[in-house]
């Protein structure tokens, strides 16, 4: 079940990008938290109590995903450079994962790989893959959501 996390995140991310903002802002952290907790309970909560408790860090993604990074966002008005906005946003989005990894003794390679995946994906500008009615499937949204999803998966496995 946990292996489906990146793809569940991708669906919520895509929906939240254009149709229902709450799907990304609240759905992504909620799905992440629920599946991480289920994975820790499946492994045996006695040995994974710290991991289960620190999974609550993924709730920190709610305000991060709510701040946005588009041309009309407050962060764009503050920083005035799109590449810088995306870098700051990606670094901020990586924080809960980094903290979770440090608390749960993830290897240094994982602590470097996860933020690197997220930061790299936020620098991508690729446009539309295809449309379903008025809904555009954006390549960069697919890349960003999968980078975040697989980063979480690397950390909890």
N, C-alpha and C. Protein backbone atom coordinates (compact mmCIF):
# COMPACT_ATOMS: atom_id res chain seq x y z
N UNK A 1 0.82 -1.19 0.00
CA UNK A 1 0.00 0.00 0.00
C UNK A 1 0.87 1.27 0.00
N UNK A 2 1.93 1.26 0.80
CA UNK A 2 2.76 2.45 0.93
C UNK A 2 3.47 2.79 -0.38
N UNK A 3 3.71 1.78 -1.22
CA UNK A 3 4.38 2.03 -2.49
C UNK A 3 3.53 2.86 -3.45
N UNK A 4 2.24 2.94 -3.20
CA UNK A 4 1.35 3.75 -4.03
C UNK A 4 1.36 5.22 -3.63
N UNK A 5 2.03 5.55 -2.52
CA UNK A 5 2.04 6.93 -2.00
C UNK A 5 2.43 7.97 -3.05
N UNK A 6 3.53 7.80 -3.79
CA UNK A 6 3.89 8.85 -4.76
C UNK A 6 2.80 9.10 -5.80
N UNK A 7 2.10 8.06 -6.19
CA UNK A 7 1.08 8.22 -7.23
C UNK A 7 -0.20 8.84 -6.66
N UNK A 8 -0.51 8.52 -5.41
CA UNK A 8 -1.63 9.19 -4.73
C UNK A 8 -1.35 10.67 -4.56
N UNK A 9 -0.12 10.99 -4.18
CA UNK A 9 0.29 12.38 -4.05
C UNK A 9 0.20 13.08 -5.39
N UNK A 10 0.62 12.40 -6.45
CA UNK A 10 0.58 13.01 -7.78
C UNK A 10 -0.86 13.38 -8.17
N UNK A 11 -1.81 12.50 -7.94
CA UNK A 11 -3.20 12.78 -8.30
C UNK A 11 -3.71 13.99 -7.51
N UNK A 12 -3.48 13.99 -6.19
CA UNK A 12 -3.93 15.12 -5.36
C UNK A 12 -3.24 16.42 -5.76
N UNK A 13 -1.96 16.33 -6.09
CA UNK A 13 -1.18 17.51 -6.50
C UNK A 13 -1.75 18.11 -7.78
N UNK A 14 -2.04 17.24 -8.75
CA UNK A 14 -2.58 17.71 -10.03
C UNK A 14 -3.96 18.35 -9.85
N UNK A 15 -4.81 17.69 -9.07
CA UNK A 15 -6.15 18.25 -8.82
C UNK A 15 -6.03 19.58 -8.08
N UNK A 16 -5.15 19.63 -7.09
CA UNK A 16 -4.99 20.84 -6.29
C UNK A 16 -4.31 21.98 -7.02
N UNK A 17 -3.67 21.68 -8.13
CA UNK A 17 -3.01 22.73 -8.88
C UNK A 17 -3.96 23.60 -9.67
N UNK A 18 -5.09 23.04 -10.10
CA UNK A 18 -5.98 23.79 -10.98
C UNK A 18 -7.45 23.75 -10.57
N UNK A 19 -7.88 22.70 -9.93
CA UNK A 19 -9.31 22.53 -9.69
C UNK A 19 -9.69 22.86 -8.26
N UNK A 20 -9.16 22.12 -7.32
CA UNK A 20 -9.52 22.27 -5.90
C UNK A 20 -8.23 22.42 -5.09
N UNK A 21 -7.88 23.63 -4.74
CA UNK A 21 -6.61 23.90 -4.04
C UNK A 21 -6.44 23.06 -2.78
N UNK A 22 -7.53 22.76 -2.09
CA UNK A 22 -7.46 21.97 -0.87
C UNK A 22 -6.91 20.57 -1.07
N UNK A 23 -7.07 20.02 -2.27
CA UNK A 23 -6.56 18.68 -2.55
C UNK A 23 -5.04 18.64 -2.37
N UNK A 24 -4.36 19.69 -2.81
CA UNK A 24 -2.91 19.74 -2.64
C UNK A 24 -2.55 20.18 -1.22
N UNK A 25 -3.18 21.24 -0.77
CA UNK A 25 -2.82 21.83 0.53
C UNK A 25 -3.07 20.91 1.71
N UNK A 26 -4.20 20.20 1.69
CA UNK A 26 -4.58 19.35 2.82
C UNK A 26 -4.53 17.87 2.47
N UNK A 27 -4.85 17.54 1.22
CA UNK A 27 -4.87 16.14 0.81
C UNK A 27 -3.51 15.49 0.79
N UNK A 28 -2.51 16.19 0.25
CA UNK A 28 -1.15 15.62 0.17
C UNK A 28 -0.60 15.34 1.57
N UNK A 29 -0.60 16.32 2.50
CA UNK A 29 -0.08 16.01 3.84
C UNK A 29 -0.91 14.94 4.57
N UNK A 30 -2.23 14.96 4.40
CA UNK A 30 -3.09 13.98 5.07
C UNK A 30 -2.83 12.57 4.57
N UNK A 31 -2.78 12.41 3.25
CA UNK A 31 -2.49 11.10 2.67
C UNK A 31 -1.12 10.61 3.12
N UNK A 32 -0.15 11.51 3.11
CA UNK A 32 1.20 11.16 3.54
C UNK A 32 1.19 10.69 4.98
N UNK A 33 0.58 11.46 5.86
CA UNK A 33 0.53 11.12 7.28
C UNK A 33 -0.17 9.78 7.49
N UNK A 34 -1.31 9.60 6.87
CA UNK A 34 -2.07 8.36 7.06
C UNK A 34 -1.28 7.15 6.60
N UNK A 35 -0.69 7.22 5.41
CA UNK A 35 0.04 6.06 4.90
C UNK A 35 1.34 5.81 5.66
N UNK A 36 2.00 6.86 6.11
CA UNK A 36 3.21 6.68 6.93
C UNK A 36 2.84 6.01 8.25
N UNK A 37 1.78 6.48 8.88
CA UNK A 37 1.33 5.86 10.14
C UNK A 37 0.92 4.40 9.94
N UNK A 38 0.18 4.12 8.87
CA UNK A 38 -0.21 2.73 8.59
C UNK A 38 1.01 1.85 8.36
N UNK A 39 2.01 2.38 7.68
CA UNK A 39 3.24 1.62 7.44
C UNK A 39 3.96 1.33 8.76
N UNK A 40 4.01 2.32 9.65
CA UNK A 40 4.68 2.11 10.93
C UNK A 40 3.91 1.11 11.80
N UNK A 41 2.58 1.18 11.79
CA UNK A 41 1.78 0.21 12.54
C UNK A 41 1.93 -1.18 11.95
N UNK A 42 2.01 -1.26 10.62
CA UNK A 42 2.20 -2.56 9.97
C UNK A 42 3.52 -3.19 10.39
N UNK A 43 4.54 -2.36 10.54
CA UNK A 43 5.86 -2.86 10.94
C UNK A 43 5.91 -3.21 12.42
N UNK A 44 4.97 -2.71 13.19
CA UNK A 44 4.96 -2.96 14.62
C UNK A 44 5.26 -1.68 15.38
N UNK A 45 4.26 -1.14 16.01
CA UNK A 45 4.38 0.18 16.64
C UNK A 45 5.40 0.17 17.77
N UNK A 46 5.60 -0.96 18.43
CA UNK A 46 6.55 -1.01 19.55
C UNK A 46 7.95 -0.59 19.09
N UNK A 47 8.36 -1.07 17.95
CA UNK A 47 9.69 -0.74 17.43
C UNK A 47 9.70 0.57 16.65
N UNK A 48 8.55 1.07 16.27
CA UNK A 48 8.49 2.24 15.39
C UNK A 48 7.72 3.41 16.00
N UNK A 49 7.64 3.45 17.33
CA UNK A 49 6.86 4.51 18.00
C UNK A 49 7.39 5.89 17.64
N UNK A 50 8.72 6.05 17.66
CA UNK A 50 9.30 7.36 17.34
C UNK A 50 8.98 7.75 15.91
N UNK A 51 9.06 6.83 14.97
CA UNK A 51 8.74 7.13 13.58
C UNK A 51 7.28 7.51 13.42
N UNK A 52 6.40 6.82 14.15
CA UNK A 52 4.97 7.13 14.05
C UNK A 52 4.69 8.53 14.61
N UNK A 53 5.28 8.85 15.73
CA UNK A 53 5.06 10.17 16.34
C UNK A 53 5.65 11.27 15.45
N UNK A 54 6.85 11.06 14.95
CA UNK A 54 7.47 12.10 14.13
C UNK A 54 6.82 12.22 12.76
N UNK A 55 5.98 11.26 12.39
CA UNK A 55 5.23 11.38 11.13
C UNK A 55 4.32 12.60 11.15
N UNK A 56 3.98 13.06 12.35
CA UNK A 56 3.15 14.26 12.46
C UNK A 56 3.85 15.47 11.84
N UNK A 57 5.16 15.40 11.64
CA UNK A 57 5.89 16.48 10.98
C UNK A 57 5.35 16.75 9.57
N UNK A 58 4.76 15.74 8.94
CA UNK A 58 4.25 15.94 7.59
C UNK A 58 3.08 16.91 7.55
N UNK A 59 2.46 17.16 8.70
CA UNK A 59 1.39 18.17 8.78
C UNK A 59 1.98 19.56 8.53
N UNK A 60 3.28 19.73 8.77
CA UNK A 60 3.93 21.02 8.48
C UNK A 60 3.84 21.38 7.00
N UNK A 61 3.58 20.39 6.16
CA UNK A 61 3.46 20.67 4.73
C UNK A 61 2.21 21.48 4.41
N UNK A 62 1.21 21.48 5.29
CA UNK A 62 -0.03 22.23 5.03
C UNK A 62 0.24 23.72 4.82
N UNK A 63 0.87 24.43 5.77
CA UNK A 63 1.12 25.86 5.52
C UNK A 63 2.10 26.11 4.38
N UNK A 64 3.02 25.19 4.18
CA UNK A 64 3.98 25.35 3.08
C UNK A 64 3.26 25.25 1.74
N UNK A 65 2.42 24.22 1.60
CA UNK A 65 1.67 24.06 0.35
C UNK A 65 0.62 25.15 0.17
N UNK A 66 0.20 25.77 1.25
CA UNK A 66 -0.79 26.85 1.17
C UNK A 66 -0.19 28.18 0.75
N UNK A 67 1.11 28.36 0.94
CA UNK A 67 1.70 29.67 0.63
C UNK A 67 1.84 29.91 -0.86
N UNK A 68 1.86 28.86 -1.65
CA UNK A 68 1.92 29.00 -3.10
C UNK A 68 3.25 29.55 -3.60
N UNK A 69 3.44 29.44 -4.91
CA UNK A 69 4.69 29.90 -5.51
C UNK A 69 4.47 30.49 -6.89
N UNK A 70 3.26 30.82 -7.20
CA UNK A 70 2.93 31.38 -8.51
C UNK A 70 3.26 32.86 -8.63
N UNK A 71 2.97 33.43 -9.78
CA UNK A 71 3.30 34.83 -10.05
C UNK A 71 2.53 35.80 -9.16
N UNK A 72 1.41 35.39 -8.61
CA UNK A 72 0.62 36.27 -7.73
C UNK A 72 0.84 35.99 -6.25
N UNK A 73 1.76 35.10 -5.92
CA UNK A 73 1.98 34.74 -4.52
C UNK A 73 2.75 35.83 -3.78
N UNK A 74 2.60 35.85 -2.47
CA UNK A 74 3.30 36.84 -1.64
C UNK A 74 4.81 36.63 -1.72
N UNK A 75 5.21 35.38 -1.86
CA UNK A 75 6.65 35.10 -1.91
C UNK A 75 7.26 35.64 -3.21
N UNK A 76 6.48 35.64 -4.30
CA UNK A 76 6.96 36.22 -5.56
C UNK A 76 7.08 37.74 -5.42
N UNK A 77 6.14 38.34 -4.74
CA UNK A 77 6.20 39.79 -4.52
C UNK A 77 7.41 40.15 -3.67
N UNK A 78 7.78 39.28 -2.77
CA UNK A 78 8.92 39.52 -1.89
C UNK A 78 10.26 39.29 -2.60
N UNK A 79 10.39 38.18 -3.32
CA UNK A 79 11.67 37.79 -3.91
C UNK A 79 11.87 38.26 -5.36
N UNK A 80 10.78 38.44 -6.08
CA UNK A 80 10.77 39.02 -7.44
C UNK A 80 11.49 38.22 -8.53
N UNK A 81 11.96 37.04 -8.23
CA UNK A 81 12.62 36.20 -9.22
C UNK A 81 12.03 34.79 -9.14
N UNK A 82 11.51 34.33 -10.26
CA UNK A 82 10.81 33.06 -10.26
C UNK A 82 11.70 31.90 -9.82
N UNK A 83 12.93 31.84 -10.30
CA UNK A 83 13.82 30.74 -9.92
C UNK A 83 14.11 30.76 -8.42
N UNK A 84 14.21 31.94 -7.84
CA UNK A 84 14.49 32.07 -6.42
C UNK A 84 13.26 31.67 -5.59
N UNK A 85 12.09 32.04 -6.07
CA UNK A 85 10.84 31.65 -5.40
C UNK A 85 10.73 30.13 -5.38
N UNK A 86 10.99 29.49 -6.50
CA UNK A 86 10.90 28.03 -6.58
C UNK A 86 11.94 27.35 -5.70
N UNK A 87 13.12 27.93 -5.62
CA UNK A 87 14.18 27.38 -4.77
C UNK A 87 13.78 27.48 -3.29
N UNK A 88 13.33 28.64 -2.87
CA UNK A 88 12.92 28.84 -1.47
C UNK A 88 11.73 27.94 -1.14
N UNK A 89 10.78 27.85 -2.05
CA UNK A 89 9.60 27.00 -1.82
C UNK A 89 10.02 25.54 -1.69
N UNK A 90 10.89 25.06 -2.57
CA UNK A 90 11.35 23.67 -2.53
C UNK A 90 12.13 23.38 -1.25
N UNK A 91 13.00 24.32 -0.86
CA UNK A 91 13.75 24.14 0.39
C UNK A 91 12.80 24.08 1.59
N UNK A 92 11.82 24.94 1.59
CA UNK A 92 10.84 24.97 2.68
C UNK A 92 10.03 23.68 2.71
N UNK A 93 9.62 23.20 1.54
CA UNK A 93 8.86 21.96 1.45
C UNK A 93 9.70 20.76 1.89
N UNK A 94 11.01 20.86 1.74
CA UNK A 94 11.92 19.78 2.15
C UNK A 94 12.13 19.72 3.66
N UNK A 95 11.87 20.80 4.36
CA UNK A 95 12.15 20.86 5.80
C UNK A 95 11.50 19.73 6.62
N UNK A 96 10.20 19.46 6.46
CA UNK A 96 9.62 18.37 7.26
C UNK A 96 10.30 17.03 6.98
N UNK A 97 10.70 16.80 5.74
CA UNK A 97 11.36 15.55 5.39
C UNK A 97 12.75 15.49 6.02
N UNK A 98 13.47 16.60 5.98
CA UNK A 98 14.82 16.64 6.56
C UNK A 98 14.74 16.41 8.07
N UNK A 99 13.82 17.09 8.74
CA UNK A 99 13.67 16.94 10.19
C UNK A 99 13.28 15.50 10.54
N UNK A 100 12.33 14.94 9.79
CA UNK A 100 11.92 13.55 10.01
C UNK A 100 13.12 12.62 9.83
N UNK A 101 13.90 12.85 8.79
CA UNK A 101 15.06 12.01 8.53
C UNK A 101 16.12 12.10 9.62
N UNK A 102 16.37 13.30 10.12
CA UNK A 102 17.36 13.48 11.19
C UNK A 102 16.89 12.79 12.47
N UNK A 103 15.65 13.02 12.85
CA UNK A 103 15.12 12.42 14.09
C UNK A 103 15.15 10.90 14.01
N UNK A 104 14.87 10.36 12.84
CA UNK A 104 14.78 8.91 12.68
C UNK A 104 16.05 8.29 12.11
N UNK A 105 17.15 9.03 12.17
CA UNK A 105 18.48 8.52 11.79
C UNK A 105 18.56 8.00 10.36
N UNK A 106 18.00 8.74 9.44
CA UNK A 106 18.15 8.38 8.03
C UNK A 106 19.61 8.58 7.64
N UNK A 107 20.06 7.85 6.68
CA UNK A 107 21.45 8.00 6.23
C UNK A 107 21.68 9.35 5.58
N UNK A 108 22.92 9.78 5.58
CA UNK A 108 23.27 11.08 5.01
C UNK A 108 22.92 11.13 3.52
N UNK A 109 23.07 10.00 2.83
CA UNK A 109 22.74 10.00 1.40
C UNK A 109 21.25 10.26 1.18
N UNK A 110 20.40 9.71 2.05
CA UNK A 110 18.96 9.96 1.95
C UNK A 110 18.64 11.41 2.28
N UNK A 111 19.33 11.95 3.28
CA UNK A 111 19.10 13.34 3.67
C UNK A 111 19.55 14.32 2.59
N UNK A 112 20.46 13.91 1.75
CA UNK A 112 20.90 14.76 0.63
C UNK A 112 20.01 14.51 -0.60
N UNK A 113 19.70 13.24 -0.85
CA UNK A 113 18.92 12.87 -2.04
C UNK A 113 17.52 13.47 -2.04
N UNK A 114 16.81 13.36 -0.92
CA UNK A 114 15.41 13.80 -0.88
C UNK A 114 15.25 15.29 -1.18
N UNK A 115 15.95 16.17 -0.47
CA UNK A 115 15.81 17.60 -0.81
C UNK A 115 16.32 17.90 -2.22
N UNK A 116 17.35 17.19 -2.67
CA UNK A 116 17.87 17.42 -4.02
C UNK A 116 16.83 17.09 -5.08
N UNK A 117 16.10 16.00 -4.88
CA UNK A 117 15.02 15.64 -5.82
C UNK A 117 13.96 16.73 -5.87
N UNK A 118 13.56 17.20 -4.69
CA UNK A 118 12.50 18.21 -4.63
C UNK A 118 12.98 19.53 -5.23
N UNK A 119 14.16 19.97 -4.87
CA UNK A 119 14.71 21.23 -5.39
C UNK A 119 14.85 21.16 -6.91
N UNK A 120 15.39 20.06 -7.41
CA UNK A 120 15.55 19.90 -8.87
C UNK A 120 14.21 19.95 -9.58
N UNK A 121 13.22 19.27 -9.02
CA UNK A 121 11.91 19.21 -9.69
C UNK A 121 11.24 20.58 -9.73
N UNK A 122 11.51 21.43 -8.75
CA UNK A 122 10.89 22.76 -8.74
C UNK A 122 11.58 23.74 -9.68
N UNK A 123 12.73 23.37 -10.20
CA UNK A 123 13.39 24.22 -11.18
C UNK A 123 12.94 23.89 -12.61
N UNK A 124 12.21 22.81 -12.75
CA UNK A 124 11.71 22.37 -14.06
C UNK A 124 10.54 23.24 -14.52
N UNK A 125 10.60 23.68 -15.75
CA UNK A 125 9.49 24.38 -16.42
C UNK A 125 9.27 23.66 -17.74
N UNK A 126 8.20 22.87 -17.83
CA UNK A 126 8.03 22.04 -19.01
C UNK A 126 6.70 22.22 -19.71
N UNK A 127 5.70 22.79 -19.06
CA UNK A 127 4.42 23.01 -19.72
C UNK A 127 3.48 21.83 -19.67
N UNK A 128 2.52 21.88 -20.56
CA UNK A 128 1.39 20.94 -20.57
C UNK A 128 1.76 19.65 -21.28
N UNK A 129 1.39 18.53 -20.66
CA UNK A 129 1.54 17.23 -21.30
C UNK A 129 0.33 16.95 -22.18
N UNK A 130 -0.87 17.15 -21.61
CA UNK A 130 -2.14 17.04 -22.35
C UNK A 130 -3.24 17.66 -21.50
N UNK A 131 -4.43 17.74 -22.06
CA UNK A 131 -5.58 18.31 -21.35
C UNK A 131 -6.71 17.31 -21.28
N UNK A 132 -7.48 17.44 -20.21
CA UNK A 132 -8.74 16.70 -20.09
C UNK A 132 -9.79 17.77 -19.87
N UNK A 133 -10.48 18.14 -20.91
CA UNK A 133 -11.42 19.27 -20.84
C UNK A 133 -10.63 20.55 -20.59
N UNK A 134 -11.00 21.26 -19.54
CA UNK A 134 -10.28 22.49 -19.17
C UNK A 134 -9.12 22.23 -18.22
N UNK A 135 -8.90 20.98 -17.87
CA UNK A 135 -7.89 20.59 -16.89
C UNK A 135 -6.59 20.21 -17.61
N UNK A 136 -5.53 20.96 -17.36
CA UNK A 136 -4.23 20.68 -17.97
C UNK A 136 -3.39 19.77 -17.08
N UNK A 137 -2.83 18.74 -17.66
CA UNK A 137 -1.88 17.87 -16.96
C UNK A 137 -0.50 18.45 -17.25
N UNK A 138 0.11 19.05 -16.22
CA UNK A 138 1.40 19.73 -16.39
C UNK A 138 2.56 18.82 -16.03
N UNK A 139 3.56 18.80 -16.90
CA UNK A 139 4.74 17.97 -16.69
C UNK A 139 5.44 18.35 -15.38
N UNK A 140 5.55 19.64 -15.11
CA UNK A 140 6.25 20.06 -13.88
C UNK A 140 5.48 19.64 -12.63
N UNK A 141 4.15 19.62 -12.67
CA UNK A 141 3.38 19.16 -11.52
C UNK A 141 3.59 17.66 -11.28
N UNK A 142 3.66 16.91 -12.37
CA UNK A 142 3.94 15.47 -12.24
C UNK A 142 5.32 15.27 -11.62
N UNK A 143 6.32 15.98 -12.12
CA UNK A 143 7.69 15.84 -11.61
C UNK A 143 7.78 16.25 -10.13
N UNK A 144 7.17 17.37 -9.77
CA UNK A 144 7.25 17.86 -8.39
C UNK A 144 6.54 16.93 -7.42
N UNK A 145 5.37 16.47 -7.80
CA UNK A 145 4.62 15.59 -6.90
C UNK A 145 5.32 14.26 -6.72
N UNK A 146 5.84 13.71 -7.80
CA UNK A 146 6.55 12.43 -7.69
C UNK A 146 7.86 12.59 -6.91
N UNK A 147 8.54 13.72 -7.09
CA UNK A 147 9.77 13.97 -6.31
C UNK A 147 9.45 14.00 -4.82
N UNK A 148 8.39 14.70 -4.46
CA UNK A 148 7.99 14.76 -3.05
C UNK A 148 7.56 13.37 -2.56
N UNK A 149 6.73 12.70 -3.34
CA UNK A 149 6.22 11.38 -2.95
C UNK A 149 7.31 10.35 -2.79
N UNK A 150 8.22 10.28 -3.76
CA UNK A 150 9.31 9.30 -3.66
C UNK A 150 10.28 9.66 -2.55
N UNK A 151 10.46 10.94 -2.28
CA UNK A 151 11.32 11.36 -1.16
C UNK A 151 10.75 10.86 0.16
N UNK A 152 9.45 11.01 0.33
CA UNK A 152 8.80 10.50 1.55
C UNK A 152 8.98 8.97 1.61
N UNK A 153 8.77 8.31 0.50
CA UNK A 153 8.90 6.85 0.46
C UNK A 153 10.31 6.41 0.82
N UNK A 154 11.34 7.09 0.29
CA UNK A 154 12.73 6.76 0.63
C UNK A 154 12.97 6.89 2.13
N UNK A 155 12.40 7.93 2.72
CA UNK A 155 12.62 8.19 4.14
C UNK A 155 11.98 7.14 5.06
N UNK A 156 10.80 6.68 4.70
CA UNK A 156 10.08 5.81 5.62
C UNK A 156 10.35 4.33 5.39
N UNK A 157 10.93 3.98 4.29
CA UNK A 157 11.21 2.57 4.00
C UNK A 157 12.40 2.08 4.78
